[in-house]
Amino acid sequence: TMMEVVSTDQPGILSRIAQILSQHKITVRVAKIVTLGEKVEDLFALVDQDNQAISDQALLEKLRQDIISALDEERN
C-alpha cells in the first residue's frame, strides 16, 4: 500500500508520522523522503501486521485523518 505525504516542512514530521503508523501496527517497508526547500514530498510503502498490503478502507481513512490532524496541529 503506497502512502504519499505532501506538506510544508516541519520539525519532527517523520517522527509524528512514524508514531501514528506504529499506533496502528503499520510497518514501513520502503520510504522515499524528499525535502525541497520548505516542502516535503514523502512516499511510503506500507504493510499491515501480517506483512500484507492494507485493504481495510476504514483503517486507511483513519490513518489519513490521524496524519492530517497531527500535521495540522504542528502548523497552528
PDB file of N, CA and C in Angstrom:
ATOM      1  N   THR A   1       0.859  -1.179   0.000  1.00  0.00           N
ATOM      2  CA  THR A   1       0.000   0.000   0.000  1.00  0.00           C
ATOM      3  C   THR A   1       0.896   1.230   0.000  1.00  0.00           C
ATOM      4  N   MET A   2       0.690   2.122  -0.928  1.00  0.00           N
ATOM      5  CA  MET A   2       1.514   3.324  -1.025  1.00  0.00           C
ATOM      6  C   MET A   2       0.803   4.501  -0.360  1.00  0.00           C
ATOM      7  N   MET A   3       1.576   5.275   0.394  1.00  0.00           N
ATOM      8  CA  MET A   3       1.055   6.482   1.030  1.00  0.00           C
ATOM      9  C   MET A   3       1.985   7.636   0.662  1.00  0.00           C
ATOM     10  N   GLU A   4       1.403   8.712   0.182  1.00  0.00           N
ATOM     11  CA  GLU A   4       2.164   9.906  -0.161  1.00  0.00           C
ATOM     12  C   GLU A   4       1.784  11.025   0.799  1.00  0.00           C
ATOM     13  N   VAL A   5       2.807  11.703   1.320  1.00  0.00           N
ATOM     14  CA  VAL A   5       2.583  12.858   2.198  1.00  0.00           C
ATOM     15  C   VAL A   5       3.262  14.058   1.548  1.00  0.00           C
ATOM     16  N   VAL A   6       2.477  15.075   1.261  1.00  0.00           N
ATOM     17  CA  VAL A   6       2.998  16.327   0.726  1.00  0.00           C
ATOM     18  C   VAL A   6       2.589  17.406   1.715  1.00  0.00           C
ATOM     19  N   SER A   7       3.576  18.129   2.241  1.00  0.00           N
ATOM     20  CA  SER A   7       3.310  19.108   3.292  1.00  0.00           C
ATOM     21  C   SER A   7       4.434  20.126   3.327  1.00  0.00           C
ATOM     22  N   THR A   8       4.216  21.166   4.098  1.00  0.00           N
ATOM     23  CA  THR A   8       5.324  22.066   4.386  1.00  0.00           C
ATOM     24  C   THR A   8       6.230  21.356   5.380  1.00  0.00           C
ATOM     25  N   ASP A   9       7.527  21.628   5.303  1.00  0.00           N
ATOM     26  CA  ASP A   9       8.477  21.001   6.214  1.00  0.00           C
ATOM     27  C   ASP A   9       8.230  21.512   7.630  1.00  0.00           C
ATOM     28  N   GLN A  10       8.274  20.591   8.580  1.00  0.00           N
ATOM     29  CA  GLN A  10       8.046  20.920   9.986  1.00  0.00           C
ATOM     30  C   GLN A  10       9.005  20.095  10.832  1.00  0.00           C
ATOM     31  N   PRO A  11       9.451  20.635  11.951  1.00  0.00           N
ATOM     32  CA  PRO A  11      10.281  19.832  12.839  1.00  0.00           C
ATOM     33  C   PRO A  11       9.514  18.592  13.319  1.00  0.00           C
ATOM     34  N   GLY A  12      10.140  17.428  13.246  1.00  0.00           N
ATOM     35  CA  GLY A  12       9.541  16.217  13.768  1.00  0.00           C
ATOM     36  C   GLY A  12       8.472  15.587  12.904  1.00  0.00           C
ATOM     37  N   ILE A  13       8.350  15.999  11.651  1.00  0.00           N
ATOM     38  CA  ILE A  13       7.275  15.489  10.797  1.00  0.00           C
ATOM     39  C   ILE A  13       7.357  13.975  10.642  1.00  0.00           C
ATOM     40  N   LEU A  14       8.546  13.442  10.389  1.00  0.00           N
ATOM     41  CA  LEU A  14       8.673  11.998  10.217  1.00  0.00           C
ATOM     42  C   LEU A  14       8.405  11.255  11.522  1.00  0.00           C
ATOM     43  N   SER A  15       8.789  11.835  12.625  1.00  0.00           N
ATOM     44  CA  SER A  15       8.530  11.217  13.927  1.00  0.00           C
ATOM     45  C   SER A  15       7.032  11.102  14.184  1.00  0.00           C
ATOM     46  N   ARG A  16       6.286  12.145  13.892  1.00  0.00           N
ATOM     47  CA  ARG A  16       4.830  12.112  14.109  1.00  0.00           C
ATOM     48  C   ARG A  16       4.169  11.079  13.208  1.00  0.00           C
ATOM     49  N   ILE A  17       4.596  11.014  11.950  1.00  0.00           N
ATOM     50  CA  ILE A  17       4.040  10.026  11.034  1.00  0.00           C
ATOM     51  C   ILE A  17       4.362   8.616  11.538  1.00  0.00           C
ATOM     52  N   ALA A  18       5.601   8.391  11.947  1.00  0.00           N
ATOM     53  CA  ALA A  18       6.019   7.074  12.444  1.00  0.00           C
ATOM     54  C   ALA A  18       5.222   6.665  13.682  1.00  0.00           C
ATOM     55  N   GLN A  19       4.961   7.604  14.573  1.00  0.00           N
ATOM     56  CA  GLN A  19       4.181   7.293  15.778  1.00  0.00           C
ATOM     57  C   GLN A  19       2.764   6.847  15.417  1.00  0.00           C
ATOM     58  N   ILE A  20       2.157   7.526  14.473  1.00  0.00           N
ATOM     59  CA  ILE A  20       0.796   7.176  14.057  1.00  0.00           C
ATOM     60  C   ILE A  20       0.779   5.794  13.404  1.00  0.00           C
ATOM     61  N   LEU A  21       1.741   5.541  12.526  1.00  0.00           N
ATOM     62  CA  LEU A  21       1.799   4.228  11.886  1.00  0.00           C
ATOM     63  C   LEU A  21       2.005   3.131  12.927  1.00  0.00           C
ATOM     64  N   SER A  22       2.867   3.381  13.878  1.00  0.00           N
ATOM     65  CA  SER A  22       3.124   2.410  14.948  1.00  0.00           C
ATOM     66  C   SER A  22       1.873   2.143  15.775  1.00  0.00           C
ATOM     67  N   GLN A  23       1.124   3.174  16.091  1.00  0.00           N
ATOM     68  CA  GLN A  23      -0.115   3.015  16.868  1.00  0.00           C
ATOM     69  C   GLN A  23      -1.103   2.088  16.162  1.00  0.00           C
ATOM     70  N   HIS A  24      -1.072   2.096  14.843  1.00  0.00           N
ATOM     71  CA  HIS A  24      -1.993   1.274  14.055  1.00  0.00           C
ATOM     72  C   HIS A  24      -1.347  -0.037  13.599  1.00  0.00           C
ATOM     73  N   LYS A  25      -0.139  -0.325  14.141  1.00  0.00           N
ATOM     74  CA  LYS A  25       0.591  -1.555  13.819  1.00  0.00           C
ATOM     75  C   LYS A  25       0.884  -1.683  12.318  1.00  0.00           C
ATOM     76  N   ILE A  26       1.257  -0.551  11.731  1.00  0.00           N
ATOM     77  CA  ILE A  26       1.618  -0.487  10.322  1.00  0.00           C
ATOM     78  C   ILE A  26       3.136  -0.394  10.220  1.00  0.00           C
ATOM     79  N   THR A  27       3.708  -1.162   9.286  1.00  0.00           N
ATOM     80  CA  THR A  27       5.152  -1.170   9.073  1.00  0.00           C
ATOM     81  C   THR A  27       5.483  -0.480   7.761  1.00  0.00           C
ATOM     82  N   VAL A  28       6.550   0.314   7.776  1.00  0.00           N
ATOM     83  CA  VAL A  28       7.055   0.948   6.556  1.00  0.00           C
ATOM     84  C   VAL A  28       8.089   0.011   5.951  1.00  0.00           C
ATOM     85  N   ARG A  29       7.833  -0.445   4.733  1.00  0.00           N
ATOM     86  CA  ARG A  29       8.777  -1.341   4.051  1.00  0.00           C
ATOM     87  C   ARG A  29       9.806  -0.544   3.265  1.00  0.00           C
ATOM     88  N   VAL A  30       9.366   0.547   2.642  1.00  0.00           N
ATOM     89  CA  VAL A  30      10.246   1.400   1.845  1.00  0.00           C
ATOM     90  C   VAL A  30       9.776   2.832   2.029  1.00  0.00           C
ATOM     91  N   ALA A  31      10.740   3.741   2.122  1.00  0.00           N
ATOM     92  CA  ALA A  31      10.390   5.161   2.232  1.00  0.00           C
ATOM     93  C   ALA A  31      11.278   5.972   1.296  1.00  0.00           C
ATOM     94  N   LYS A  32      10.674   6.914   0.625  1.00  0.00           N
ATOM     95  CA  LYS A  32      11.415   7.886  -0.196  1.00  0.00           C
ATOM     96  C   LYS A  32      11.100   9.246   0.405  1.00  0.00           C
ATOM     97  N   ILE A  33      12.094   9.861   0.991  1.00  0.00           N
ATOM     98  CA  ILE A  33      11.934  11.120   1.704  1.00  0.00           C
ATOM     99  C   ILE A  33      12.590  12.228   0.878  1.00  0.00           C
ATOM    100  N   VAL A  34      11.807  13.227   0.513  1.00  0.00           N
ATOM    101  CA  VAL A  34      12.329  14.338  -0.292  1.00  0.00           C
ATOM    102  C   VAL A  34      11.916  15.646   0.366  1.00  0.00           C
ATOM    103  N   THR A  35      12.900  16.497   0.618  1.00  0.00           N
ATOM    104  CA  THR A  35      12.628  17.835   1.127  1.00  0.00           C
ATOM    105  C   THR A  35      13.121  18.827   0.084  1.00  0.00           C
ATOM    106  N   LEU A  36      12.207  19.660  -0.379  1.00  0.00           N
ATOM    107  CA  LEU A  36      12.516  20.663  -1.391  1.00  0.00           C
ATOM    108  C   LEU A  36      12.282  22.035  -0.786  1.00  0.00           C
ATOM    109  N   GLY A  37      13.306  22.601  -0.189  1.00  0.00           N
ATOM    110  CA  GLY A  37      13.146  23.881   0.495  1.00  0.00           C
ATOM    111  C   GLY A  37      12.226  23.705   1.688  1.00  0.00           C
ATOM    112  N   GLU A  38      11.071  24.355   1.650  1.00  0.00           N
ATOM    113  CA  GLU A  38      10.118  24.264   2.757  1.00  0.00           C
ATOM    114  C   GLU A  38       9.034  23.221   2.515  1.00  0.00           C
ATOM    115  N   LYS A  39       9.160  22.447   1.455  1.00  0.00           N
ATOM    116  CA  LYS A  39       8.140  21.457   1.096  1.00  0.00           C
ATOM    117  C   LYS A  39       8.709  20.042   1.208  1.00  0.00           C
ATOM    118  N   VAL A  40       7.915  19.123   1.760  1.00  0.00           N
ATOM    119  CA  VAL A  40       8.296  17.715   1.791  1.00  0.00           C
ATOM    120  C   VAL A  40       7.351  16.931   0.891  1.00  0.00           C
ATOM    121  N   GLU A  41       7.914  15.955   0.208  1.00  0.00           N
ATOM    122  CA  GLU A  41       7.153  15.025  -0.615  1.00  0.00           C
ATOM    123  C   GLU A  41       7.673  13.640  -0.270  1.00  0.00           C
ATOM    124  N   ASP A  42       6.995  12.960   0.634  1.00  0.00           N
ATOM    125  CA  ASP A  42       7.435  11.668   1.128  1.00  0.00           C
ATOM    126  C   ASP A  42       6.522  10.575   0.607  1.00  0.00           C
ATOM    127  N   LEU A  43       7.110   9.440   0.267  1.00  0.00           N
ATOM    128  CA  LEU A  43       6.367   8.303  -0.245  1.00  0.00           C
ATOM    129  C   LEU A  43       6.737   7.081   0.594  1.00  0.00           C
ATOM    130  N   PHE A  44       5.733   6.371   1.069  1.00  0.00           N
ATOM    131  CA  PHE A  44       5.940   5.223   1.946  1.00  0.00           C
ATOM    132  C   PHE A  44       5.223   4.002   1.380  1.00  0.00           C
ATOM    133  N   ALA A  45       5.885   2.847   1.404  1.00  0.00           N
ATOM    134  CA  ALA A  45       5.246   1.564   1.089  1.00  0.00           C
ATOM    135  C   ALA A  45       4.928   0.923   2.431  1.00  0.00           C
ATOM    136  N   LEU A  46       3.645   0.661   2.678  1.00  0.00           N
ATOM    137  CA  LEU A  46       3.184   0.196   3.984  1.00  0.00           C
ATOM    138  C   LEU A  46       2.628  -1.222   3.903  1.00  0.00           C
ATOM    139  N   VAL A  47       2.786  -1.964   5.013  1.00  0.00           N
ATOM    140  CA  VAL A  47       2.161  -3.279   5.159  1.00  0.00           C
ATOM    141  C   VAL A  47       1.540  -3.365   6.542  1.00  0.00           C
ATOM    142  N   ASP A  48       0.570  -4.266   6.672  1.00  0.00           N
ATOM    143  CA  ASP A  48      -0.082  -4.453   7.963  1.00  0.00           C
ATOM    144  C   ASP A  48       0.737  -5.415   8.829  1.00  0.00           C
ATOM    145  N   GLN A  49       0.201  -5.787   9.981  1.00  0.00           N
ATOM    146  CA  GLN A  49       0.942  -6.644  10.912  1.00  0.00           C
ATOM    147  C   GLN A  49       1.145  -8.062  10.371  1.00  0.00           C
ATOM    148  N   ASP A  50       0.429  -8.428   9.310  1.00  0.00           N
ATOM    149  CA  ASP A  50       0.614  -9.728   8.661  1.00  0.00           C
ATOM    150  C   ASP A  50       1.520  -9.614   7.431  1.00  0.00           C
ATOM    151  N   ASN A  51       2.180  -8.465   7.301  1.00  0.00           N
ATOM    152  CA  ASN A  51       3.097  -8.190   6.194  1.00  0.00           C
ATOM    153  C   ASN A  51       2.378  -8.177   4.838  1.00  0.00           C
ATOM    154  N   GLN A  52       1.121  -7.740   4.850  1.00  0.00           N
ATOM    155  CA  GLN A  52       0.298  -7.691   3.650  1.00  0.00           C
ATOM    156  C   GLN A  52      -0.095  -6.241   3.341  1.00  0.00           C
ATOM    157  N   ALA A  53      -0.459  -6.007   2.087  1.00  0.00           N
ATOM    158  CA  ALA A  53      -0.993  -4.699   1.712  1.00  0.00           C
ATOM    159  C   ALA A  53      -2.225  -4.418   2.565  1.00  0.00           C
ATOM    160  N   ILE A  54      -2.463  -3.155   2.840  1.00  0.00           N
ATOM    161  CA  ILE A  54      -3.584  -2.767   3.704  1.00  0.00           C
ATOM    162  C   ILE A  54      -4.837  -2.639   2.834  1.00  0.00           C
ATOM    163  N   SER A  55      -5.817  -3.489   3.096  1.00  0.00           N
ATOM    164  CA  SER A  55      -7.044  -3.470   2.311  1.00  0.00           C
ATOM    165  C   SER A  55      -8.229  -2.901   3.097  1.00  0.00           C
ATOM    166  N   ASP A  56      -8.058  -2.722   4.387  1.00  0.00           N
ATOM    167  CA  ASP A  56      -9.131  -2.214   5.251  1.00  0.00           C
ATOM    168  C   ASP A  56      -9.309  -0.712   4.991  1.00  0.00           C
ATOM    169  N   GLN A  57     -10.367  -0.360   4.270  1.00  0.00           N
ATOM    170  CA  GLN A  57     -10.594   1.038   3.902  1.00  0.00           C
ATOM    171  C   GLN A  57     -10.827   1.932   5.116  1.00  0.00           C
ATOM    172  N   ALA A  58     -11.455   1.398   6.150  1.00  0.00           N
ATOM    173  CA  ALA A  58     -11.675   2.186   7.366  1.00  0.00           C
ATOM    174  C   ALA A  58     -10.342   2.512   8.027  1.00  0.00           C
ATOM    175  N   LEU A  59      -9.430   1.555   8.048  1.00  0.00           N
ATOM    176  CA  LEU A  59      -8.103   1.795   8.614  1.00  0.00           C
ATOM    177  C   LEU A  59      -7.350   2.831   7.790  1.00  0.00           C
ATOM    178  N   LEU A  60      -7.410   2.724   6.484  1.00  0.00           N
ATOM    179  CA  LEU A  60      -6.732   3.697   5.626  1.00  0.00           C
ATOM    180  C   LEU A  60      -7.270   5.103   5.848  1.00  0.00           C
ATOM    181  N   GLU A  61      -8.566   5.226   5.985  1.00  0.00           N
ATOM    182  CA  GLU A  61      -9.167   6.543   6.233  1.00  0.00           C
ATOM    183  C   GLU A  61      -8.754   7.068   7.602  1.00  0.00           C
ATOM    184  N   LYS A  62      -8.707   6.203   8.614  1.00  0.00           N
ATOM    185  CA  LYS A  62      -8.284   6.606   9.962  1.00  0.00           C
ATOM    186  C   LYS A  62      -6.833   7.082   9.933  1.00  0.00           C
ATOM    187  N   LEU A  63      -5.963   6.360   9.234  1.00  0.00           N
ATOM    188  CA  LEU A  63      -4.565   6.785   9.090  1.00  0.00           C
ATOM    189  C   LEU A  63      -4.486   8.163   8.441  1.00  0.00           C
ATOM    190  N   ARG A  64      -5.238   8.339   7.371  1.00  0.00           N
ATOM    191  CA  ARG A  64      -5.240   9.630   6.661  1.00  0.00           C
ATOM    192  C   ARG A  64      -5.653  10.761   7.593  1.00  0.00           C
ATOM    193  N   GLN A  65      -6.741  10.568   8.310  1.00  0.00           N
ATOM    194  CA  GLN A  65      -7.231  11.607   9.217  1.00  0.00           C
ATOM    195  C   GLN A  65      -6.244  11.869  10.357  1.00  0.00           C
ATOM    196  N   ASP A  66      -5.675  10.812  10.929  1.00  0.00           N
ATOM    197  CA  ASP A  66      -4.730  10.983  12.028  1.00  0.00           C
ATOM    198  C   ASP A  66      -3.476  11.738  11.586  1.00  0.00           C
ATOM    199  N   ILE A  67      -2.984  11.426  10.405  1.00  0.00           N
ATOM    200  CA  ILE A  67      -1.780  12.103   9.907  1.00  0.00           C
ATOM    201  C   ILE A  67      -2.084  13.554   9.577  1.00  0.00           C
ATOM    202  N   ILE A  68      -3.205  13.811   8.940  1.00  0.00           N
ATOM    203  CA  ILE A  68      -3.585  15.199   8.640  1.00  0.00           C
ATOM    204  C   ILE A  68      -3.731  15.995   9.935  1.00  0.00           C
ATOM    205  N   SER A  69      -4.386  15.427  10.919  1.00  0.00           N
ATOM    206  CA  SER A  69      -4.576  16.124  12.201  1.00  0.00           C
ATOM    207  C   SER A  69      -3.237  16.414  12.874  1.00  0.00           C
ATOM    208  N   ALA A  70      -2.337  15.443  12.874  1.00  0.00           N
ATOM    209  CA  ALA A  70      -1.032  15.629  13.522  1.00  0.00           C
ATOM    210  C   ALA A  70      -0.220  16.720  12.832  1.00  0.00           C
ATOM    211  N   LEU A  71      -0.270  16.756  11.516  1.00  0.00           N
ATOM    212  CA  LEU A  71       0.487  17.778  10.789  1.00  0.00           C
ATOM    213  C   LEU A  71      -0.151  19.151  10.930  1.00  0.00           C
ATOM    214  N   ASP A  72      -1.474  19.200  10.963  1.00  0.00           N
ATOM    215  CA  ASP A  72      -2.172  20.485  11.160  1.00  0.00           C
ATOM    216  C   ASP A  72      -1.924  21.044  12.560  1.00  0.00           C
ATOM    217  N   GLU A  73      -1.857  20.175  13.575  1.00  0.00           N
ATOM    218  CA  GLU A  73      -1.602  20.641  14.954  1.00  0.00           C
ATOM    219  C   GLU A  73      -0.280  21.361  15.050  1.00  0.00           C
ATOM    220  N   GLU A  74       0.731  20.830  14.397  1.00  0.00           N
ATOM    221  CA  GLU A  74       2.073  21.421  14.464  1.00  0.00           C
ATOM    222  C   GLU A  74       2.097  22.794  13.780  1.00  0.00           C
ATOM    223  N   ARG A  75       1.324  22.948  12.716  1.00  0.00           N
ATOM    224  CA  ARG A  75       1.304  24.219  11.993  1.00  0.00           C
ATOM    225  C   ARG A  75       0.665  25.333  12.802  1.00  0.00           C
ATOM    226  N   ASN A  76      -0.270  24.984  13.659  1.00  0.00           N
ATOM    227  CA  ASN A  76      -1.023  26.006  14.418  1.00  0.00           C
ATOM    228  C   ASN A  76      -0.335  26.400  15.691  1.00  0.00           C
TER     229      ASN A  76
END
